[in-house]
N, C-alpha and C. Protein backbone atom coordinates (compact mmCIF):
# COMPACT_ATOMS: atom_id res chain seq x y z
N MET A 1 0.84 -1.23 0.02
CA MET A 1 -0.01 -0.03 0.00
C MET A 1 0.84 1.29 -0.02
N LEU A 2 1.83 1.28 0.95
CA LEU A 2 2.74 2.49 0.99
C LEU A 2 3.61 2.65 -0.27
N GLU A 3 3.99 1.47 -0.84
CA GLU A 3 4.72 1.51 -2.12
C GLU A 3 3.85 2.17 -3.20
N PHE A 4 2.52 1.85 -3.27
CA PHE A 4 1.68 2.40 -4.20
C PHE A 4 1.48 3.89 -3.98
N ILE A 5 1.39 4.35 -2.78
CA ILE A 5 1.31 5.82 -2.38
C ILE A 5 2.63 6.39 -2.82
N ALA A 6 3.71 5.83 -2.55
CA ALA A 6 5.07 6.42 -2.93
C ALA A 6 5.09 6.50 -4.45
N ARG A 7 4.57 5.54 -5.17
CA ARG A 7 4.60 5.71 -6.66
C ARG A 7 3.77 6.90 -7.12
N LEU A 8 2.58 7.07 -6.41
CA LEU A 8 1.71 8.17 -6.75
C LEU A 8 2.49 9.53 -6.45
N LEU A 9 3.21 9.53 -5.38
CA LEU A 9 3.94 10.78 -4.98
C LEU A 9 5.27 10.92 -5.68
N ARG A 10 5.64 9.97 -6.53
CA ARG A 10 7.00 9.97 -7.11
C ARG A 10 7.34 11.33 -7.72
N PRO A 11 6.53 12.03 -8.50
CA PRO A 11 6.91 13.29 -9.01
C PRO A 11 7.35 14.36 -8.00
N LEU A 12 6.63 14.38 -6.86
CA LEU A 12 6.94 15.22 -5.82
C LEU A 12 8.21 14.75 -5.07
N LEU A 13 8.27 13.40 -4.78
CA LEU A 13 9.42 12.88 -4.03
C LEU A 13 10.78 13.00 -4.74
N GLU A 14 10.70 12.98 -6.08
CA GLU A 14 11.91 13.15 -6.96
C GLU A 14 12.21 14.54 -7.37
N SER A 15 11.34 15.53 -6.92
CA SER A 15 11.63 16.98 -7.29
C SER A 15 12.96 17.31 -6.62
N SER A 16 13.65 18.18 -7.17
CA SER A 16 15.00 18.58 -6.70
C SER A 16 15.03 18.86 -5.17
N TYR A 17 14.24 19.74 -4.70
CA TYR A 17 14.31 20.16 -3.30
C TYR A 17 13.94 18.99 -2.38
N VAL A 18 12.83 18.35 -2.65
CA VAL A 18 12.33 17.27 -1.79
C VAL A 18 13.41 16.06 -1.80
N LEU A 19 13.91 15.83 -2.94
CA LEU A 19 14.94 14.74 -3.02
C LEU A 19 16.14 15.07 -2.23
N GLY A 20 16.54 16.38 -2.16
CA GLY A 20 17.66 16.81 -1.29
C GLY A 20 17.37 16.61 0.12
N VAL A 21 16.11 16.95 0.56
CA VAL A 21 15.73 16.82 1.92
C VAL A 21 15.78 15.31 2.27
N ARG A 22 15.22 14.46 1.42
CA ARG A 22 15.22 13.02 1.70
C ARG A 22 16.58 12.44 1.81
N ARG A 23 17.49 12.84 0.91
CA ARG A 23 18.85 12.42 0.96
C ARG A 23 19.57 12.86 2.28
N ASN A 24 19.35 14.12 2.72
CA ASN A 24 19.95 14.62 3.84
C ASN A 24 19.35 13.93 5.12
N HIS A 25 18.09 13.66 4.99
CA HIS A 25 17.36 12.89 6.12
C HIS A 25 18.02 11.53 6.27
N ALA A 26 18.30 10.85 5.23
CA ALA A 26 18.89 9.48 5.30
C ALA A 26 20.37 9.61 5.83
N LEU A 27 21.06 10.71 5.32
CA LEU A 27 22.46 10.83 5.79
C LEU A 27 22.48 11.23 7.29
N GLU A 28 21.50 12.01 7.70
CA GLU A 28 21.43 12.31 9.15
C GLU A 28 21.18 11.09 9.95
N HIS A 29 20.31 10.25 9.51
CA HIS A 29 20.03 8.96 10.22
C HIS A 29 21.27 8.05 10.26
N ALA A 30 21.88 7.92 9.12
CA ALA A 30 23.12 7.08 9.04
C ALA A 30 24.25 7.62 9.97
N THR A 31 24.40 8.94 10.02
CA THR A 31 25.45 9.59 10.88
C THR A 31 25.08 9.33 12.33
N ILE A 32 23.79 9.47 12.71
CA ILE A 32 23.44 9.25 14.04
C ILE A 32 23.54 7.79 14.42
N HIS A 33 23.19 6.89 13.52
CA HIS A 33 23.45 5.46 13.83
C HIS A 33 24.92 5.20 14.21
N LEU A 34 25.83 5.70 13.38
CA LEU A 34 27.28 5.44 13.59
C LEU A 34 27.72 6.13 14.92
N LEU A 35 27.21 7.26 15.26
CA LEU A 35 27.58 7.92 16.54
C LEU A 35 26.89 7.25 17.75
N ASN A 36 25.70 6.76 17.55
CA ASN A 36 25.02 6.06 18.66
C ASN A 36 25.83 4.86 19.07
N ARG A 37 26.46 4.19 18.09
CA ARG A 37 27.26 3.02 18.39
C ARG A 37 28.51 3.40 19.19
N GLN A 38 28.86 4.61 19.23
CA GLN A 38 30.03 5.06 20.04
C GLN A 38 29.53 5.68 21.35
N GLY A 39 28.24 5.57 21.66
CA GLY A 39 27.77 6.05 22.90
C GLY A 39 27.08 7.42 22.93
N TYR A 40 27.09 8.10 21.85
CA TYR A 40 26.51 9.46 21.78
C TYR A 40 25.03 9.36 21.61
N ARG A 41 24.28 10.18 22.32
CA ARG A 41 22.81 10.32 22.21
C ARG A 41 22.52 11.64 21.55
N LEU A 42 22.03 11.61 20.32
CA LEU A 42 21.82 12.75 19.57
C LEU A 42 20.47 12.80 18.88
N SER A 43 20.08 13.94 18.37
CA SER A 43 18.99 14.09 17.57
C SER A 43 19.25 15.05 16.51
N GLY A 44 18.40 15.12 15.47
CA GLY A 44 18.63 15.92 14.34
C GLY A 44 17.44 16.37 13.56
N VAL A 45 17.72 17.20 12.69
CA VAL A 45 16.68 17.73 11.73
C VAL A 45 17.25 18.07 10.39
N SER A 46 16.58 17.69 9.35
CA SER A 46 17.16 17.82 8.00
C SER A 46 16.56 18.89 7.20
N SER A 47 17.23 19.33 6.19
CA SER A 47 16.73 20.36 5.26
C SER A 47 17.31 20.02 3.87
N GLY A 48 17.03 20.84 2.91
CA GLY A 48 17.58 20.69 1.57
C GLY A 48 19.12 21.01 1.49
N ALA A 49 19.58 21.81 2.52
CA ALA A 49 20.97 22.21 2.53
C ALA A 49 21.87 21.34 3.43
N GLY A 50 21.28 20.40 4.15
CA GLY A 50 22.04 19.60 5.06
C GLY A 50 21.22 19.12 6.20
N PHE A 51 21.89 19.04 7.39
CA PHE A 51 21.09 18.69 8.58
C PHE A 51 21.82 19.22 9.80
N ILE A 52 21.05 19.34 10.86
CA ILE A 52 21.60 19.84 12.13
C ILE A 52 21.52 18.71 13.17
N ILE A 53 22.60 18.57 13.90
CA ILE A 53 22.75 17.53 14.96
C ILE A 53 22.72 18.25 16.30
N TYR A 54 21.85 17.85 17.14
CA TYR A 54 21.76 18.36 18.56
C TYR A 54 22.37 17.36 19.47
N GLY A 55 23.34 17.74 20.23
CA GLY A 55 24.02 16.89 21.25
C GLY A 55 25.51 17.13 21.23
N ASP A 56 26.03 16.79 22.40
CA ASP A 56 27.44 17.07 22.63
C ASP A 56 28.28 15.94 22.01
N VAL A 57 28.89 16.21 20.88
CA VAL A 57 29.80 15.27 20.20
C VAL A 57 30.93 16.11 19.66
N PRO A 58 32.16 15.62 19.74
CA PRO A 58 33.29 16.39 19.10
C PRO A 58 33.07 16.57 17.64
N THR A 59 33.38 17.81 17.18
CA THR A 59 33.10 18.10 15.70
C THR A 59 33.87 17.15 14.84
N GLU A 60 35.11 16.81 15.15
CA GLU A 60 35.89 15.94 14.31
C GLU A 60 35.22 14.52 14.19
N LYS A 61 34.62 14.04 15.31
CA LYS A 61 33.90 12.70 15.25
C LYS A 61 32.73 12.85 14.38
N LEU A 62 31.93 13.92 14.51
CA LEU A 62 30.71 14.13 13.71
C LEU A 62 31.07 14.20 12.23
N GLU A 63 32.13 14.92 11.93
CA GLU A 63 32.54 15.09 10.50
C GLU A 63 32.96 13.80 9.92
N LYS A 64 33.76 13.09 10.71
CA LYS A 64 34.18 11.67 10.21
C LYS A 64 33.03 10.77 10.08
N ALA A 65 32.13 10.73 11.06
CA ALA A 65 30.93 9.87 10.96
C ALA A 65 30.08 10.24 9.78
N SER A 66 29.89 11.52 9.40
CA SER A 66 29.02 11.87 8.32
C SER A 66 29.67 11.48 6.98
N HIS A 67 30.95 11.62 6.89
CA HIS A 67 31.67 11.12 5.64
C HIS A 67 31.61 9.63 5.55
N ASN A 68 31.77 8.93 6.70
CA ASN A 68 31.68 7.44 6.70
C ASN A 68 30.26 7.01 6.41
N ALA A 69 29.34 7.69 6.95
CA ALA A 69 27.93 7.35 6.70
C ALA A 69 27.55 7.49 5.21
N LEU A 70 28.03 8.55 4.60
CA LEU A 70 27.80 8.79 3.23
C LEU A 70 28.47 7.71 2.42
N LYS A 71 29.65 7.32 2.73
CA LYS A 71 30.40 6.25 1.96
C LYS A 71 29.61 4.95 2.19
N ARG A 72 29.14 4.59 3.34
CA ARG A 72 28.39 3.33 3.63
C ARG A 72 27.07 3.30 2.90
N LEU A 73 26.33 4.45 2.81
CA LEU A 73 25.14 4.54 2.05
C LEU A 73 25.44 4.26 0.64
N ASN A 74 26.44 4.88 0.11
CA ASN A 74 26.82 4.71 -1.32
C ASN A 74 27.26 3.35 -1.63
N ASN A 75 27.73 2.57 -0.62
CA ASN A 75 28.17 1.18 -0.79
C ASN A 75 27.01 0.19 -0.53
N GLY A 76 25.72 0.74 -0.41
CA GLY A 76 24.61 -0.15 -0.34
C GLY A 76 24.04 -0.51 1.04
N GLU A 77 24.56 0.14 2.08
CA GLU A 77 24.02 -0.10 3.43
C GLU A 77 22.76 0.67 3.66
N LYS A 78 21.67 0.28 2.92
CA LYS A 78 20.41 1.03 2.98
C LYS A 78 19.75 1.13 4.30
N ASN A 79 19.98 0.12 5.15
CA ASN A 79 19.41 0.12 6.51
C ASN A 79 19.80 1.27 7.34
N LEU A 80 20.98 1.88 7.09
CA LEU A 80 21.43 3.06 7.89
C LEU A 80 20.49 4.33 7.70
N ALA A 81 19.74 4.29 6.56
CA ALA A 81 18.93 5.42 6.24
C ALA A 81 17.65 5.51 7.11
N ILE A 82 17.36 4.39 7.78
CA ILE A 82 16.15 4.22 8.56
C ILE A 82 16.52 4.23 10.09
N HIS A 83 15.75 5.03 10.87
CA HIS A 83 16.13 5.13 12.30
C HIS A 83 14.85 4.89 13.11
N PRO A 84 14.82 4.08 14.18
CA PRO A 84 13.67 3.84 14.92
C PRO A 84 13.18 4.95 15.76
N ASN A 85 14.00 5.97 16.02
CA ASN A 85 13.65 7.12 16.80
C ASN A 85 13.27 8.42 15.95
N CYS A 86 13.07 8.14 14.73
CA CYS A 86 12.73 9.24 13.79
C CYS A 86 11.38 9.83 14.09
N GLY A 87 11.23 11.15 13.91
CA GLY A 87 10.02 11.80 14.11
C GLY A 87 8.88 11.27 13.18
N THR A 88 9.28 10.76 12.08
CA THR A 88 8.28 10.18 11.08
C THR A 88 7.50 9.13 11.79
N ASN A 89 8.13 8.26 12.72
CA ASN A 89 7.44 7.29 13.46
C ASN A 89 6.39 7.84 14.38
N LEU A 90 6.73 8.96 15.05
CA LEU A 90 5.76 9.68 15.92
C LEU A 90 4.64 10.20 15.12
N VAL A 91 4.88 10.83 13.99
CA VAL A 91 3.81 11.37 13.20
C VAL A 91 2.85 10.25 12.73
N VAL A 92 3.42 9.12 12.25
CA VAL A 92 2.64 8.02 11.83
C VAL A 92 1.82 7.45 12.95
N ALA A 93 2.39 7.29 14.09
CA ALA A 93 1.67 6.82 15.26
C ALA A 93 0.51 7.74 15.59
N GLY A 94 0.78 9.00 15.68
CA GLY A 94 -0.26 10.03 15.97
C GLY A 94 -1.41 9.95 15.01
N LEU A 95 -1.08 9.87 13.69
CA LEU A 95 -2.15 9.86 12.72
C LEU A 95 -2.93 8.59 12.78
N LEU A 96 -2.32 7.44 12.99
CA LEU A 96 -3.03 6.17 13.04
C LEU A 96 -3.92 6.09 14.31
N LEU A 97 -3.38 6.59 15.45
CA LEU A 97 -4.20 6.54 16.70
C LEU A 97 -5.31 7.57 16.64
N ALA A 98 -5.07 8.72 16.15
CA ALA A 98 -6.15 9.70 16.03
C ALA A 98 -7.24 9.26 15.00
N GLY A 99 -6.76 8.61 13.93
CA GLY A 99 -7.74 8.08 13.02
C GLY A 99 -8.65 7.02 13.52
N VAL A 100 -8.07 6.10 14.23
CA VAL A 100 -8.86 5.08 14.88
C VAL A 100 -9.84 5.64 15.94
N GLY A 101 -9.29 6.60 16.73
CA GLY A 101 -10.16 7.25 17.67
C GLY A 101 -11.36 7.94 17.03
N ALA A 102 -11.02 8.68 16.00
CA ALA A 102 -12.05 9.46 15.34
C ALA A 102 -13.12 8.55 14.69
N LEU A 103 -12.58 7.48 14.04
CA LEU A 103 -13.53 6.61 13.40
C LEU A 103 -14.40 5.85 14.41
N GLY A 104 -13.85 5.54 15.52
CA GLY A 104 -14.63 4.86 16.53
C GLY A 104 -15.75 5.71 17.21
N PHE A 105 -15.61 6.98 17.09
CA PHE A 105 -16.66 7.85 17.72
C PHE A 105 -17.50 8.63 16.81
N VAL A 106 -17.34 8.37 15.45
CA VAL A 106 -18.27 9.04 14.51
C VAL A 106 -19.39 8.16 14.13
N GLY A 107 -20.38 8.65 13.46
CA GLY A 107 -21.50 7.81 12.95
C GLY A 107 -22.75 8.08 13.72
N THR A 108 -23.73 7.37 13.22
CA THR A 108 -25.09 7.56 13.83
C THR A 108 -25.49 6.34 14.67
N ASN A 109 -24.46 5.52 14.95
CA ASN A 109 -24.82 4.34 15.79
C ASN A 109 -25.46 4.81 17.09
N ARG A 110 -26.40 4.04 17.58
CA ARG A 110 -27.12 4.43 18.81
C ARG A 110 -26.28 4.19 20.08
N ARG A 111 -25.18 3.50 19.97
CA ARG A 111 -24.36 3.21 21.14
C ARG A 111 -23.69 4.48 21.52
N SER A 112 -23.72 4.63 22.90
CA SER A 112 -23.06 5.89 23.43
C SER A 112 -21.55 5.77 23.31
N ALA A 113 -20.85 6.92 23.48
CA ALA A 113 -19.44 6.97 23.42
C ALA A 113 -18.81 5.97 24.47
N TRP A 114 -19.33 5.91 25.66
CA TRP A 114 -18.87 4.99 26.67
C TRP A 114 -18.97 3.52 26.22
N GLU A 115 -20.08 3.22 25.49
CA GLU A 115 -20.25 1.83 25.05
C GLU A 115 -19.17 1.53 23.87
N ARG A 116 -18.85 2.54 23.16
CA ARG A 116 -17.90 2.31 22.09
C ARG A 116 -16.43 2.34 22.57
N PHE A 117 -16.16 2.95 23.73
CA PHE A 117 -14.85 3.15 24.28
C PHE A 117 -13.94 1.88 24.31
N PRO A 118 -14.47 0.73 24.81
CA PRO A 118 -13.57 -0.45 24.76
C PRO A 118 -13.10 -0.85 23.43
N VAL A 119 -14.00 -0.79 22.42
CA VAL A 119 -13.67 -1.19 21.06
C VAL A 119 -12.61 -0.19 20.54
N VAL A 120 -12.83 1.10 20.72
CA VAL A 120 -11.88 2.15 20.32
C VAL A 120 -10.52 1.88 20.96
N MET A 121 -10.50 1.60 22.23
CA MET A 121 -9.24 1.38 22.94
C MET A 121 -8.54 0.14 22.37
N VAL A 122 -9.19 -0.90 22.06
CA VAL A 122 -8.59 -2.10 21.42
C VAL A 122 -8.04 -1.69 20.08
N GLY A 123 -8.79 -1.00 19.30
CA GLY A 123 -8.31 -0.54 18.00
C GLY A 123 -7.05 0.34 18.12
N MET A 124 -7.03 1.19 19.10
CA MET A 124 -5.86 2.02 19.31
C MET A 124 -4.65 1.18 19.74
N MET A 125 -4.84 0.25 20.62
CA MET A 125 -3.74 -0.66 20.99
C MET A 125 -3.18 -1.45 19.82
N VAL A 126 -4.09 -1.92 18.97
CA VAL A 126 -3.58 -2.64 17.79
C VAL A 126 -2.78 -1.73 16.86
N MET A 127 -3.30 -0.49 16.63
CA MET A 127 -2.59 0.51 15.87
C MET A 127 -1.29 0.86 16.46
N SER A 128 -1.19 0.99 17.76
CA SER A 128 0.08 1.34 18.40
C SER A 128 1.14 0.21 18.11
N LEU A 129 0.73 -1.05 18.03
CA LEU A 129 1.61 -2.15 17.77
C LEU A 129 2.11 -2.07 16.35
N TYR A 130 1.29 -1.64 15.41
CA TYR A 130 1.66 -1.56 14.05
C TYR A 130 2.29 -0.26 13.62
N SER A 131 2.26 0.74 14.46
CA SER A 131 2.71 2.04 14.06
C SER A 131 4.21 2.09 13.76
N LEU A 132 5.04 1.39 14.55
CA LEU A 132 6.47 1.46 14.26
C LEU A 132 6.81 0.76 12.93
N PRO A 133 6.42 -0.41 12.69
CA PRO A 133 6.70 -0.94 11.34
C PRO A 133 6.16 -0.12 10.19
N ILE A 134 4.97 0.49 10.40
CA ILE A 134 4.44 1.33 9.34
C ILE A 134 5.28 2.63 9.27
N GLY A 135 5.65 3.21 10.32
CA GLY A 135 6.55 4.35 10.34
C GLY A 135 7.86 4.05 9.69
N LEU A 136 8.50 2.92 9.93
CA LEU A 136 9.70 2.54 9.27
C LEU A 136 9.56 2.38 7.77
N THR A 137 8.43 1.86 7.37
CA THR A 137 8.11 1.77 5.93
C THR A 137 7.87 3.12 5.32
N VAL A 138 7.24 4.07 6.04
CA VAL A 138 7.04 5.44 5.54
C VAL A 138 8.47 6.07 5.29
N GLN A 139 9.28 5.83 6.28
CA GLN A 139 10.67 6.35 6.16
C GLN A 139 11.31 5.81 4.85
N LYS A 140 11.31 4.50 4.70
CA LYS A 140 11.94 3.82 3.59
C LYS A 140 11.46 4.33 2.26
N HIS A 141 10.16 4.54 2.11
CA HIS A 141 9.54 4.90 0.81
C HIS A 141 9.32 6.36 0.55
N ILE A 142 9.17 7.16 1.71
CA ILE A 142 8.75 8.51 1.49
C ILE A 142 9.67 9.58 2.08
N THR A 143 10.00 9.47 3.37
CA THR A 143 10.76 10.59 4.00
C THR A 143 12.28 10.49 3.84
N THR A 144 12.77 9.32 3.49
CA THR A 144 14.24 9.24 3.20
C THR A 144 14.42 8.46 1.87
N THR A 145 15.68 8.56 1.38
CA THR A 145 16.08 7.76 0.30
C THR A 145 17.59 7.33 0.51
N SER A 146 17.85 6.11 0.32
CA SER A 146 19.27 5.66 0.50
C SER A 146 20.04 5.96 -0.73
N ASP A 147 19.45 6.42 -1.84
CA ASP A 147 20.24 6.83 -3.03
C ASP A 147 20.80 8.23 -2.83
N MET A 148 22.06 8.32 -2.56
CA MET A 148 22.72 9.54 -2.24
C MET A 148 23.05 10.36 -3.52
N GLY A 149 22.92 9.79 -4.75
CA GLY A 149 23.28 10.55 -5.95
C GLY A 149 24.68 11.10 -5.84
N ASP A 150 24.81 12.41 -6.14
CA ASP A 150 26.10 13.04 -6.05
C ASP A 150 26.25 13.89 -4.81
N LEU A 151 25.41 13.59 -3.80
CA LEU A 151 25.43 14.33 -2.45
C LEU A 151 26.86 14.22 -1.87
N ASP A 152 27.31 15.40 -1.33
CA ASP A 152 28.70 15.40 -0.68
C ASP A 152 28.55 16.26 0.57
N VAL A 153 29.35 15.93 1.58
CA VAL A 153 29.46 16.66 2.75
C VAL A 153 30.48 17.82 2.57
N VAL A 154 30.01 19.04 2.62
CA VAL A 154 30.89 20.17 2.34
C VAL A 154 31.67 20.60 3.54
N ARG A 155 30.96 20.79 4.69
CA ARG A 155 31.60 21.14 5.93
C ARG A 155 30.64 20.98 7.12
N VAL A 156 31.27 21.01 8.31
CA VAL A 156 30.51 20.86 9.57
C VAL A 156 30.89 22.09 10.43
N LYS A 157 29.77 22.77 10.87
CA LYS A 157 30.05 23.94 11.69
C LYS A 157 29.46 23.70 13.07
N LYS A 158 30.18 24.09 14.09
CA LYS A 158 29.70 23.89 15.49
C LYS A 158 29.24 25.16 16.05
N ARG A 159 28.10 25.14 16.74
CA ARG A 159 27.56 26.34 17.44
C ARG A 159 27.00 25.93 18.77
N GLY A 160 26.89 26.86 19.61
CA GLY A 160 26.21 26.64 20.89
C GLY A 160 24.93 27.51 20.87
N ILE A 161 23.88 26.93 21.32
CA ILE A 161 22.62 27.78 21.42
C ILE A 161 21.96 27.60 22.83
N LYS A 162 21.09 28.50 23.14
CA LYS A 162 20.28 28.33 24.40
C LYS A 162 18.98 27.75 23.94
N LEU A 163 18.58 26.75 24.59
CA LEU A 163 17.38 26.03 24.36
C LEU A 163 16.67 25.73 25.71
N LEU A 164 15.51 26.44 25.86
CA LEU A 164 14.75 26.30 27.21
C LEU A 164 15.71 26.54 28.41
N GLY A 165 16.56 27.63 28.21
CA GLY A 165 17.40 28.03 29.30
C GLY A 165 18.68 27.19 29.46
N ALA A 166 18.89 26.16 28.69
CA ALA A 166 20.14 25.34 28.76
C ALA A 166 20.92 25.56 27.56
N SER A 167 22.24 25.42 27.76
CA SER A 167 23.16 25.47 26.61
C SER A 167 23.18 24.16 25.92
N VAL A 168 23.05 24.17 24.59
CA VAL A 168 23.04 22.93 23.74
C VAL A 168 24.04 23.07 22.64
N VAL A 169 24.82 22.03 22.46
CA VAL A 169 25.79 22.04 21.35
C VAL A 169 25.08 21.57 20.09
N VAL A 170 25.25 22.37 19.02
CA VAL A 170 24.59 22.10 17.72
C VAL A 170 25.61 22.13 16.68
N HIS A 171 25.58 21.15 15.80
CA HIS A 171 26.44 21.08 14.64
C HIS A 171 25.61 21.12 13.37
N GLU A 172 25.98 21.96 12.47
CA GLU A 172 25.30 22.06 11.12
C GLU A 172 26.16 21.35 10.13
N VAL A 173 25.57 20.29 9.53
CA VAL A 173 26.36 19.61 8.48
C VAL A 173 25.85 20.07 7.18
N ILE A 174 26.67 20.71 6.42
CA ILE A 174 26.27 21.32 5.10
C ILE A 174 26.65 20.45 4.03
N THR A 175 25.67 20.15 3.11
CA THR A 175 25.87 19.19 2.08
C THR A 175 25.61 19.93 0.76
N GLN A 176 26.03 19.28 -0.38
CA GLN A 176 25.88 19.92 -1.68
C GLN A 176 25.60 18.75 -2.63
């Protein structure tokens, strides 16, 4: 089903800007995978110009990991493009659970909301079980691409920012 939707969306997904975001999103995931294995806990956000990594990691390690991640994606390690903690999974879970909840409480059925509640809850529990595999599939076919094309890491810039009153280390990975 998602492959069918991805085929319908292909013109949009292959447009220059969106393809750049999808490639950077995959490279962000691959970079975070490699740094997670070294004990770093990081998060990120991607754009058409690269990605930003939030978390305290030495700039040299991040730069090396991003180049290594790009090389590994180019060598066919497609699994690095998918990350279980991606925001895509949260969005998919939210949409599925909200959809089941909404469907369970709409209609002209004479049963009250309280009578429908157990069925809706079971439906939401089932959807919560399927939301991660569906989210991973959405990543694979829609929000990332393991095809890096001619993408290259240009440079990595370190910055410190204040976030909710705390100092946070931020690295901007610029791609081209």
